[in-house]
Amino acid sequence: MGDGVRIQAIERAILIMNCFTDEKPELRLQEICEKLDLNKSTAHGIINTLKHHGLIEQDPETQKYRLGLNLLVLGSKVLNRLDVRTIAAPILKEVCAKTDETVHLGILDGIEVVYIDKYESSQSMRLFTKIGTRYPAYCTGIGKAMLAFMPTEDQMKNIPDELNRFTEYTLKDKKEVIEHLKKVKQQGYAIDDEENMEGLRCVGAPIFDYSGKVVAAISVAGPSIRMTKDKIHEIIDILREAAEEISKRLGYQK
């Protein structure tokens, strides 16, 4: 798919909104200009337009800018159109209650997994992920569970040619990932054994729609000190049963 025509002002507006992060939720005009190499008048005009539409707000005291609440409204519209999220919600709650570990629902966006829903463990030591969190697909339970059930051509597109190694357990290269995915497909679930983050283990299972296409995955994740081999073995059956039920409600038939 080609880039097509791109509007510079819109592109700059998107870049401005992308400047705001969890670490830097508020920024001064000067900081935005320096980050994007924009002159003040151009940046100020774009920011004023975004303010008018509620996509950016300005603190009246500090004069710093932050993302606006209307982005939350737009984001909720995206989430609400994802039927899998609505259908999966009660099942995710059950899985969380049965395992007392954090449960995620995720989809694939290019080479990354995006969490679109989560239910958190009640235990004091737990994961502090957020809806919207992204991770590379090749080293996560959700990502590998989805990649394994994709056509080879799609796998090749969604696995980078060069992999970042986040821990000593991260798979080394694309060839190793593809071989690993064969095992995942055969067993019907994926395990992230501290591949994305040290001290964290995760089990993922795929979700299919009415056409038989893998559209999402669910995972159970927790600290490796609790996610022992025995507990993972117990979780696998719970997780696969839950993924199968969600798939069934999406119209999937084996």
C-alpha atoms as a PDB file:
ATOM      1  CA  MET A   1       0.000   0.000   0.000  1.00  0.00           C
ATOM      2  CA  GLY A   2       1.501   3.337  -1.088  1.00  0.00           C
ATOM      3  CA  ASP A   3       1.795   6.428   1.044  1.00  0.00           C
ATOM      4  CA  GLY A   4      -0.466   8.493  -1.226  1.00  0.00           C
ATOM      5  CA  VAL A   5      -0.947  12.213  -0.665  1.00  0.00           C
ATOM      6  CA  ARG A   6       0.026  13.449   2.800  1.00  0.00           C
ATOM      7  CA  ILE A   7      -1.004  16.797   4.250  1.00  0.00           C
ATOM      8  CA  GLN A   8       1.925  18.456   6.011  1.00  0.00           C
ATOM      9  CA  ALA A   9      -0.168  20.373   8.570  1.00  0.00           C
ATOM     10  CA  ILE A  10      -2.037  17.219   9.599  1.00  0.00           C
ATOM     11  CA  GLU A  11       1.192  15.273   9.777  1.00  0.00           C
ATOM     12  CA  ARG A  12       2.709  17.935  12.041  1.00  0.00           C
ATOM     13  CA  ALA A  13      -0.371  17.877  14.257  1.00  0.00           C
ATOM     14  CA  ILE A  14       0.020  14.124  14.694  1.00  0.00           C
ATOM     15  CA  LEU A  15       3.721  14.506  15.463  1.00  0.00           C
ATOM     16  CA  ILE A  16       2.884  17.149  18.084  1.00  0.00           C
ATOM     17  CA  MET A  17       0.395  14.844  19.815  1.00  0.00           C
ATOM     18  CA  ASN A  18       2.950  12.021  19.708  1.00  0.00           C
ATOM     19  CA  CYS A  19       5.410  14.206  21.648  1.00  0.00           C
ATOM     20  CA  PHE A  20       3.447  13.599  24.844  1.00  0.00           C
ATOM     21  CA  THR A  21       4.447  10.430  26.711  1.00  0.00           C
ATOM     22  CA  ASP A  22       3.901   8.793  30.097  1.00  0.00           C
ATOM     23  CA  GLU A  23       7.244  10.244  31.153  1.00  0.00           C
ATOM     24  CA  LYS A  24       6.464  13.701  29.717  1.00  0.00           C
ATOM     25  CA  PRO A  25       2.669  14.183  29.892  1.00  0.00           C
ATOM     26  CA  GLU A  26       3.000  17.999  29.847  1.00  0.00           C
ATOM     27  CA  LEU A  27       5.225  20.101  27.594  1.00  0.00           C
ATOM     28  CA  ARG A  28       5.941  23.756  26.973  1.00  0.00           C
ATOM     29  CA  LEU A  29       5.665  25.210  23.478  1.00  0.00           C
ATOM     30  CA  GLN A  30       9.447  25.614  23.341  1.00  0.00           C
ATOM     31  CA  GLU A  31       9.980  21.933  24.165  1.00  0.00           C
ATOM     32  CA  ILE A  32       7.642  20.854  21.357  1.00  0.00           C
ATOM     33  CA  CYS A  33       9.352  23.177  18.889  1.00  0.00           C
ATOM     34  CA  GLU A  34      12.793  21.884  19.799  1.00  0.00           C
ATOM     35  CA  LYS A  35      11.700  18.266  19.656  1.00  0.00           C
ATOM     36  CA  LEU A  36      10.178  18.610  16.175  1.00  0.00           C
ATOM     37  CA  ASP A  37      12.392  21.403  14.825  1.00  0.00           C
ATOM     38  CA  LEU A  38       9.361  23.644  14.217  1.00  0.00           C
ATOM     39  CA  ASN A  39       9.219  27.420  14.443  1.00  0.00           C
ATOM     40  CA  LYS A  40       7.009  28.821  17.207  1.00  0.00           C
ATOM     41  CA  SER A  41       4.378  30.426  15.006  1.00  0.00           C
ATOM     42  CA  THR A  42       3.763  27.211  13.053  1.00  0.00           C
ATOM     43  CA  ALA A  43       3.597  25.058  16.179  1.00  0.00           C
ATOM     44  CA  HIS A  44       1.411  27.570  18.007  1.00  0.00           C
ATOM     45  CA  GLY A  45      -1.113  27.681  15.162  1.00  0.00           C
ATOM     46  CA  ILE A  46      -1.415  23.907  15.002  1.00  0.00           C
ATOM     47  CA  ILE A  47      -1.688  23.602  18.789  1.00  0.00           C
ATOM     48  CA  ASN A  48      -4.427  26.255  18.910  1.00  0.00           C
ATOM     49  CA  THR A  49      -6.405  24.273  16.325  1.00  0.00           C
ATOM     50  CA  LEU A  50      -5.968  21.085  18.338  1.00  0.00           C
ATOM     51  CA  LYS A  51      -7.058  22.968  21.483  1.00  0.00           C
ATOM     52  CA  HIS A  52     -10.196  24.176  19.715  1.00  0.00           C
ATOM     53  CA  HIS A  53     -11.164  20.561  19.030  1.00  0.00           C
ATOM     54  CA  GLY A  54     -10.311  19.308  22.521  1.00  0.00           C
ATOM     55  CA  LEU A  55      -7.345  17.238  21.381  1.00  0.00           C
ATOM     56  CA  ILE A  56      -4.882  19.306  23.411  1.00  0.00           C
ATOM     57  CA  GLU A  57      -5.386  21.241  26.651  1.00  0.00           C
ATOM     58  CA  GLN A  58      -3.323  23.955  28.323  1.00  0.00           C
ATOM     59  CA  ASP A  59      -2.776  24.347  32.030  1.00  0.00           C
ATOM     60  CA  PRO A  60      -3.805  27.952  32.835  1.00  0.00           C
ATOM     61  CA  GLU A  61      -1.180  28.270  35.572  1.00  0.00           C
ATOM     62  CA  THR A  62       1.919  26.599  34.112  1.00  0.00           C
ATOM     63  CA  GLN A  63       0.956  27.286  30.472  1.00  0.00           C
ATOM     64  CA  LYS A  64       2.103  23.768  29.673  1.00  0.00           C
ATOM     65  CA  TYR A  65       0.215  21.681  27.126  1.00  0.00           C
ATOM     66  CA  ARG A  66      -1.158  18.153  27.570  1.00  0.00           C
ATOM     67  CA  LEU A  67      -3.316  15.775  25.541  1.00  0.00           C
ATOM     68  CA  GLY A  68      -7.019  16.642  25.622  1.00  0.00           C
ATOM     69  CA  LEU A  69      -9.935  14.590  26.885  1.00  0.00           C
ATOM     70  CA  ASN A  70     -11.505  14.406  23.445  1.00  0.00           C
ATOM     71  CA  LEU A  71      -8.813  11.898  22.534  1.00  0.00           C
ATOM     72  CA  LEU A  72     -10.330   9.623  25.178  1.00  0.00           C
ATOM     73  CA  VAL A  73     -13.727   9.999  23.511  1.00  0.00           C
ATOM     74  CA  LEU A  74     -12.240   9.103  20.123  1.00  0.00           C
ATOM     75  CA  GLY A  75     -10.281   6.223  21.636  1.00  0.00           C
ATOM     76  CA  SER A  76     -13.393   4.791  23.256  1.00  0.00           C
ATOM     77  CA  LYS A  77     -15.116   4.801  19.858  1.00  0.00           C
ATOM     78  CA  VAL A  78     -12.287   2.681  18.466  1.00  0.00           C
ATOM     79  CA  LEU A  79     -12.472   0.276  21.410  1.00  0.00           C
ATOM     80  CA  ASN A  80     -16.259   0.037  21.220  1.00  0.00           C
ATOM     81  CA  ARG A  81     -16.178  -1.038  17.592  1.00  0.00           C
ATOM     82  CA  LEU A  82     -13.935  -3.948  18.499  1.00  0.00           C
ATOM     83  CA  ASP A  83     -16.660  -6.524  19.137  1.00  0.00           C
ATOM     84  CA  VAL A  84     -14.110  -8.977  20.444  1.00  0.00           C
ATOM     85  CA  ARG A  85     -13.538  -6.694  23.428  1.00  0.00           C
ATOM     86  CA  THR A  86     -17.218  -6.665  24.406  1.00  0.00           C
ATOM     87  CA  ILE A  87     -17.619 -10.396  23.874  1.00  0.00           C
ATOM     88  CA  ALA A  88     -14.415 -11.272  25.710  1.00  0.00           C
ATOM     89  CA  ALA A  89     -14.947  -9.070  28.781  1.00  0.00           C
ATOM     90  CA  PRO A  90     -16.972 -11.481  30.996  1.00  0.00           C
ATOM     91  CA  ILE A  91     -14.698 -14.375  30.064  1.00  0.00           C
ATOM     92  CA  LEU A  92     -11.564 -12.389  30.879  1.00  0.00           C
ATOM     93  CA  LYS A  93     -13.036 -11.604  34.295  1.00  0.00           C
ATOM     94  CA  GLU A  94     -13.583 -15.325  34.921  1.00  0.00           C
ATOM     95  CA  VAL A  95     -10.016 -16.186  33.900  1.00  0.00           C
ATOM     96  CA  CYS A  96      -8.680 -13.463  36.209  1.00  0.00           C
ATOM     97  CA  ALA A  97     -10.780 -14.794  39.100  1.00  0.00           C
ATOM     98  CA  LYS A  98      -9.673 -18.396  38.499  1.00  0.00           C
ATOM     99  CA  THR A  99      -5.949 -17.663  38.146  1.00  0.00           C
ATOM    100  CA  ASP A 100      -5.607 -14.511  40.284  1.00  0.00           C
ATOM    101  CA  GLU A 101      -3.108 -13.215  37.747  1.00  0.00           C
ATOM    102  CA  THR A 102      -3.319 -10.338  35.269  1.00  0.00           C
ATOM    103  CA  VAL A 103      -5.267 -11.134  32.104  1.00  0.00           C
ATOM    104  CA  HIS A 104      -4.801  -9.242  28.827  1.00  0.00           C
ATOM    105  CA  LEU A 105      -6.711  -9.125  25.570  1.00  0.00           C
ATOM    106  CA  GLY A 106      -4.572  -7.989  22.660  1.00  0.00           C
ATOM    107  CA  ILE A 107      -4.564  -7.510  18.915  1.00  0.00           C
ATOM    108  CA  LEU A 108      -1.772  -7.260  16.388  1.00  0.00           C
ATOM    109  CA  ASP A 109      -0.867  -3.912  14.828  1.00  0.00           C
ATOM    110  CA  GLY A 110       1.958  -4.547  12.388  1.00  0.00           C
ATOM    111  CA  ILE A 111       4.921  -5.936  14.306  1.00  0.00           C
ATOM    112  CA  GLU A 112       3.454  -4.975  17.681  1.00  0.00           C
ATOM    113  CA  VAL A 113       0.854  -6.302  20.086  1.00  0.00           C
ATOM    114  CA  VAL A 114      -1.595  -3.723  21.480  1.00  0.00           C
ATOM    115  CA  TYR A 115      -3.474  -4.447  24.701  1.00  0.00           C
ATOM    116  CA  ILE A 116      -7.132  -3.498  24.242  1.00  0.00           C
ATOM    117  CA  ASP A 117      -8.416  -4.761  27.590  1.00  0.00           C
ATOM    118  CA  LYS A 118      -7.057  -6.080  30.884  1.00  0.00           C
ATOM    119  CA  TYR A 119      -8.142  -7.413  34.257  1.00  0.00           C
ATOM    120  CA  GLU A 120      -5.663  -7.090  37.066  1.00  0.00           C
ATOM    121  CA  SER A 121      -4.596  -9.583  39.712  1.00  0.00           C
ATOM    122  CA  SER A 122      -5.588  -8.795  43.297  1.00  0.00           C
ATOM    123  CA  GLN A 123      -2.155  -9.811  44.534  1.00  0.00           C
ATOM    124  CA  SER A 124       0.242  -7.200  45.877  1.00  0.00           C
ATOM    125  CA  MET A 125       2.940  -8.148  43.354  1.00  0.00           C
ATOM    126  CA  ARG A 126       1.332  -7.655  39.957  1.00  0.00           C
ATOM    127  CA  LEU A 127       1.768  -6.085  36.531  1.00  0.00           C
ATOM    128  CA  PHE A 128       1.105  -2.399  36.000  1.00  0.00           C
ATOM    129  CA  THR A 129       0.361  -2.429  32.273  1.00  0.00           C
ATOM    130  CA  LYS A 130      -2.216  -0.173  30.623  1.00  0.00           C
ATOM    131  CA  ILE A 131      -4.752  -0.522  27.851  1.00  0.00           C
ATOM    132  CA  GLY A 132      -2.920   0.727  24.774  1.00  0.00           C
ATOM    133  CA  THR A 133       0.449  -0.688  25.865  1.00  0.00           C
ATOM    134  CA  ARG A 134       2.490  -1.997  22.935  1.00  0.00           C
ATOM    135  CA  TYR A 135       5.155  -4.694  22.805  1.00  0.00           C
ATOM    136  CA  PRO A 136       6.938  -6.469  19.950  1.00  0.00           C
ATOM    137  CA  ALA A 137       4.840  -9.490  18.959  1.00  0.00           C
ATOM    138  CA  TYR A 138       7.740 -11.948  18.645  1.00  0.00           C
ATOM    139  CA  CYS A 139       8.533 -11.946  22.380  1.00  0.00           C
ATOM    140  CA  THR A 140       5.055 -11.895  23.974  1.00  0.00           C
ATOM    141  CA  GLY A 141       2.517 -14.610  24.680  1.00  0.00           C
ATOM    142  CA  ILE A 142      -0.268 -12.776  22.846  1.00  0.00           C
ATOM    143  CA  GLY A 143       1.946 -11.917  19.895  1.00  0.00           C
ATOM    144  CA  LYS A 144       3.333 -15.412  19.400  1.00  0.00           C
ATOM    145  CA  ALA A 145      -0.126 -16.967  19.829  1.00  0.00           C
ATOM    146  CA  MET A 146      -1.390 -14.800  16.961  1.00  0.00           C
ATOM    147  CA  LEU A 147       1.669 -15.047  14.705  1.00  0.00           C
ATOM    148  CA  ALA A 148       1.655 -18.850  14.911  1.00  0.00           C
ATOM    149  CA  PHE A 149      -1.782 -19.081  13.311  1.00  0.00           C
ATOM    150  CA  MET A 150      -1.152 -16.593  10.506  1.00  0.00           C
ATOM    151  CA  PRO A 151      -0.195 -17.501   6.945  1.00  0.00           C
ATOM    152  CA  THR A 152       3.566 -17.683   6.423  1.00  0.00           C
ATOM    153  CA  GLU A 153       3.466 -14.547   4.267  1.00  0.00           C
ATOM    154  CA  ASP A 154       1.878 -12.541   7.108  1.00  0.00           C
ATOM    155  CA  GLN A 155       4.320 -13.966   9.627  1.00  0.00           C
ATOM    156  CA  MET A 156       7.214 -12.731   7.504  1.00  0.00           C
ATOM    157  CA  LYS A 157       5.714  -9.224   7.392  1.00  0.00           C
ATOM    158  CA  ASN A 158       4.996  -9.058  11.111  1.00  0.00           C
ATOM    159  CA  ILE A 159       8.362 -10.273  12.379  1.00  0.00           C
ATOM    160  CA  PRO A 160      11.211  -7.750  12.021  1.00  0.00           C
ATOM    161  CA  ASP A 161      14.300  -8.809  10.094  1.00  0.00           C
ATOM    162  CA  GLU A 162      16.418  -7.733  13.057  1.00  0.00           C
ATOM    163  CA  LEU A 163      15.200  -8.460  16.575  1.00  0.00           C
ATOM    164  CA  ASN A 164      15.836  -6.456  19.720  1.00  0.00           C
ATOM    165  CA  ARG A 165      16.839  -8.751  22.558  1.00  0.00           C
ATOM    166  CA  PHE A 166      15.218  -7.545  25.782  1.00  0.00           C
ATOM    167  CA  THR A 167      16.560 -10.343  27.981  1.00  0.00           C
ATOM    168  CA  GLU A 168      18.936 -13.267  27.629  1.00  0.00           C
ATOM    169  CA  TYR A 169      15.882 -15.437  26.868  1.00  0.00           C
ATOM    170  CA  THR A 170      14.623 -13.404  23.893  1.00  0.00           C
ATOM    171  CA  LEU A 171      14.744 -15.425  20.666  1.00  0.00           C
ATOM    172  CA  LYS A 172      17.862 -14.581  18.701  1.00  0.00           C
ATOM    173  CA  ASP A 173      16.689 -14.049  15.126  1.00  0.00           C
ATOM    174  CA  LYS A 174      13.771 -14.227  12.699  1.00  0.00           C
ATOM    175  CA  LYS A 175      14.535 -17.806  11.660  1.00  0.00           C
ATOM    176  CA  GLU A 176      14.442 -18.969  15.287  1.00  0.00           C
ATOM    177  CA  VAL A 177      11.105 -17.204  15.836  1.00  0.00           C
ATOM    178  CA  ILE A 178       9.539 -18.863  12.785  1.00  0.00           C
ATOM    179  CA  GLU A 179      10.724 -22.301  13.946  1.00  0.00           C
ATOM    180  CA  HIS A 180       9.415 -21.581  17.447  1.00  0.00           C
ATOM    181  CA  LEU A 181       6.003 -20.601  16.048  1.00  0.00           C
ATOM    182  CA  LYS A 182       5.612 -24.070  14.523  1.00  0.00           C
ATOM    183  CA  LYS A 183       5.686 -25.517  18.040  1.00  0.00           C
ATOM    184  CA  VAL A 184       3.248 -22.856  19.267  1.00  0.00           C
ATOM    185  CA  LYS A 185       0.784 -23.752  16.505  1.00  0.00           C
ATOM    186  CA  GLN A 186       1.120 -27.452  17.226  1.00  0.00           C
ATOM    187  CA  GLN A 187       0.424 -27.077  20.961  1.00  0.00           C
ATOM    188  CA  GLY A 188      -2.205 -24.326  20.584  1.00  0.00           C
ATOM    189  CA  TYR A 189      -0.713 -21.836  23.018  1.00  0.00           C
ATOM    190  CA  ALA A 190       2.407 -19.692  23.489  1.00  0.00           C
ATOM    191  CA  ILE A 191       4.634 -19.127  26.488  1.00  0.00           C
ATOM    192  CA  ASP A 192       6.696 -15.987  27.041  1.00  0.00           C
ATOM    193  CA  ASP A 193       9.343 -17.318  29.411  1.00  0.00           C
ATOM    194  CA  GLU A 194      10.947 -14.032  30.496  1.00  0.00           C
ATOM    195  CA  GLU A 195      11.551 -13.156  26.819  1.00  0.00           C
ATOM    196  CA  ASN A 196      10.072  -9.671  26.992  1.00  0.00           C
ATOM    197  CA  MET A 197      10.892  -8.812  30.598  1.00  0.00           C
ATOM    198  CA  GLU A 198      13.029 -10.525  33.212  1.00  0.00           C
ATOM    199  CA  GLY A 199      11.003 -11.953  36.076  1.00  0.00           C
ATOM    200  CA  LEU A 200       7.799 -12.139  34.023  1.00  0.00           C
ATOM    201  CA  ARG A 201       6.148 -15.200  32.501  1.00  0.00           C
ATOM    202  CA  CYS A 202       3.076 -15.202  30.309  1.00  0.00           C
ATOM    203  CA  VAL A 203       0.849 -17.734  28.554  1.00  0.00           C
ATOM    204  CA  GLY A 204      -1.153 -16.720  25.455  1.00  0.00           C
ATOM    205  CA  ALA A 205      -3.884 -18.378  23.384  1.00  0.00           C
ATOM    206  CA  PRO A 206      -5.353 -17.311  20.009  1.00  0.00           C
ATOM    207  CA  ILE A 207      -8.883 -16.096  19.266  1.00  0.00           C
ATOM    208  CA  PHE A 208     -10.488 -16.742  15.858  1.00  0.00           C
ATOM    209  CA  ASP A 209     -13.436 -15.075  14.110  1.00  0.00           C
ATOM    210  CA  TYR A 210     -16.248 -16.641  12.049  1.00  0.00           C
ATOM    211  CA  SER A 211     -13.972 -16.885   8.995  1.00  0.00           C
ATOM    212  CA  GLY A 212     -11.297 -18.819  10.867  1.00  0.00           C
ATOM    213  CA  LYS A 213      -8.907 -15.871  10.917  1.00  0.00           C
ATOM    214  CA  VAL A 214      -6.910 -15.187  14.080  1.00  0.00           C
ATOM    215  CA  VAL A 215      -8.063 -11.734  15.240  1.00  0.00           C
ATOM    216  CA  ALA A 216      -6.845 -11.448  18.827  1.00  0.00           C
ATOM    217  CA  ALA A 217      -5.373 -13.394  21.716  1.00  0.00           C
ATOM    218  CA  ILE A 218      -5.654 -13.521  25.481  1.00  0.00           C
ATOM    219  CA  SER A 219      -2.895 -14.033  27.995  1.00  0.00           C
ATOM    220  CA  VAL A 220      -2.319 -14.641  31.668  1.00  0.00           C
ATOM    221  CA  ALA A 221       0.843 -13.022  33.011  1.00  0.00           C
ATOM    222  CA  GLY A 222       2.549 -12.783  36.351  1.00  0.00           C
ATOM    223  CA  PRO A 223       5.869 -12.749  38.186  1.00  0.00           C
ATOM    224  CA  SER A 224       7.980 -15.826  37.446  1.00  0.00           C
ATOM    225  CA  ILE A 225       8.205 -16.511  41.181  1.00  0.00           C
ATOM    226  CA  ARG A 226       4.462 -17.354  41.068  1.00  0.00           C
ATOM    227  CA  MET A 227       4.216 -18.479  37.442  1.00  0.00           C
ATOM    228  CA  THR A 228       5.926 -21.812  38.052  1.00  0.00           C
ATOM    229  CA  LYS A 229       5.773 -24.719  35.596  1.00  0.00           C
ATOM    230  CA  ASP A 230       3.002 -26.314  37.658  1.00  0.00           C
ATOM    231  CA  LYS A 231       0.914 -23.145  37.708  1.00  0.00           C
ATOM    232  CA  ILE A 232       1.473 -22.547  33.984  1.00  0.00           C
ATOM    233  CA  HIS A 233       0.277 -26.105  33.337  1.00  0.00           C
ATOM    234  CA  GLU A 234      -2.940 -25.332  35.251  1.00  0.00           C
ATOM    235  CA  ILE A 235      -3.400 -22.000  33.473  1.00  0.00           C
ATOM    236  CA  ILE A 236      -3.033 -23.463  29.971  1.00  0.00           C
ATOM    237  CA  ASP A 237      -6.307 -25.412  30.162  1.00  0.00           C
ATOM    238  CA  ILE A 238      -8.195 -22.430  31.644  1.00  0.00           C
ATOM    239  CA  LEU A 239      -6.787 -20.087  29.002  1.00  0.00           C
ATOM    240  CA  ARG A 240      -7.402 -22.336  26.000  1.00  0.00           C
ATOM    241  CA  GLU A 241     -10.956 -23.014  27.127  1.00  0.00           C
ATOM    242  CA  ALA A 242     -11.546 -19.256  27.488  1.00  0.00           C
ATOM    243  CA  ALA A 243     -10.041 -18.480  24.059  1.00  0.00           C
ATOM    244  CA  GLU A 244     -12.172 -21.195  22.468  1.00  0.00           C
ATOM    245  CA  GLU A 245     -15.319 -19.789  24.095  1.00  0.00           C
ATOM    246  CA  ILE A 246     -14.580 -16.258  22.859  1.00  0.00           C
ATOM    247  CA  SER A 247     -13.875 -17.624  19.361  1.00  0.00           C
ATOM    248  CA  LYS A 248     -17.158 -19.559  19.455  1.00  0.00           C
ATOM    249  CA  ARG A 249     -19.064 -16.382  20.377  1.00  0.00           C
ATOM    250  CA  LEU A 250     -17.411 -14.649  17.413  1.00  0.00           C
ATOM    251  CA  GLY A 251     -18.868 -17.358  15.158  1.00  0.00           C
ATOM    252  CA  TYR A 252     -15.807 -19.580  14.841  1.00  0.00           C
ATOM    253  CA  GLN A 253     -16.439 -23.264  14.127  1.00  0.00           C
ATOM    254  CA  LYS A 254     -13.664 -25.843  14.118  1.00  0.00           C
END
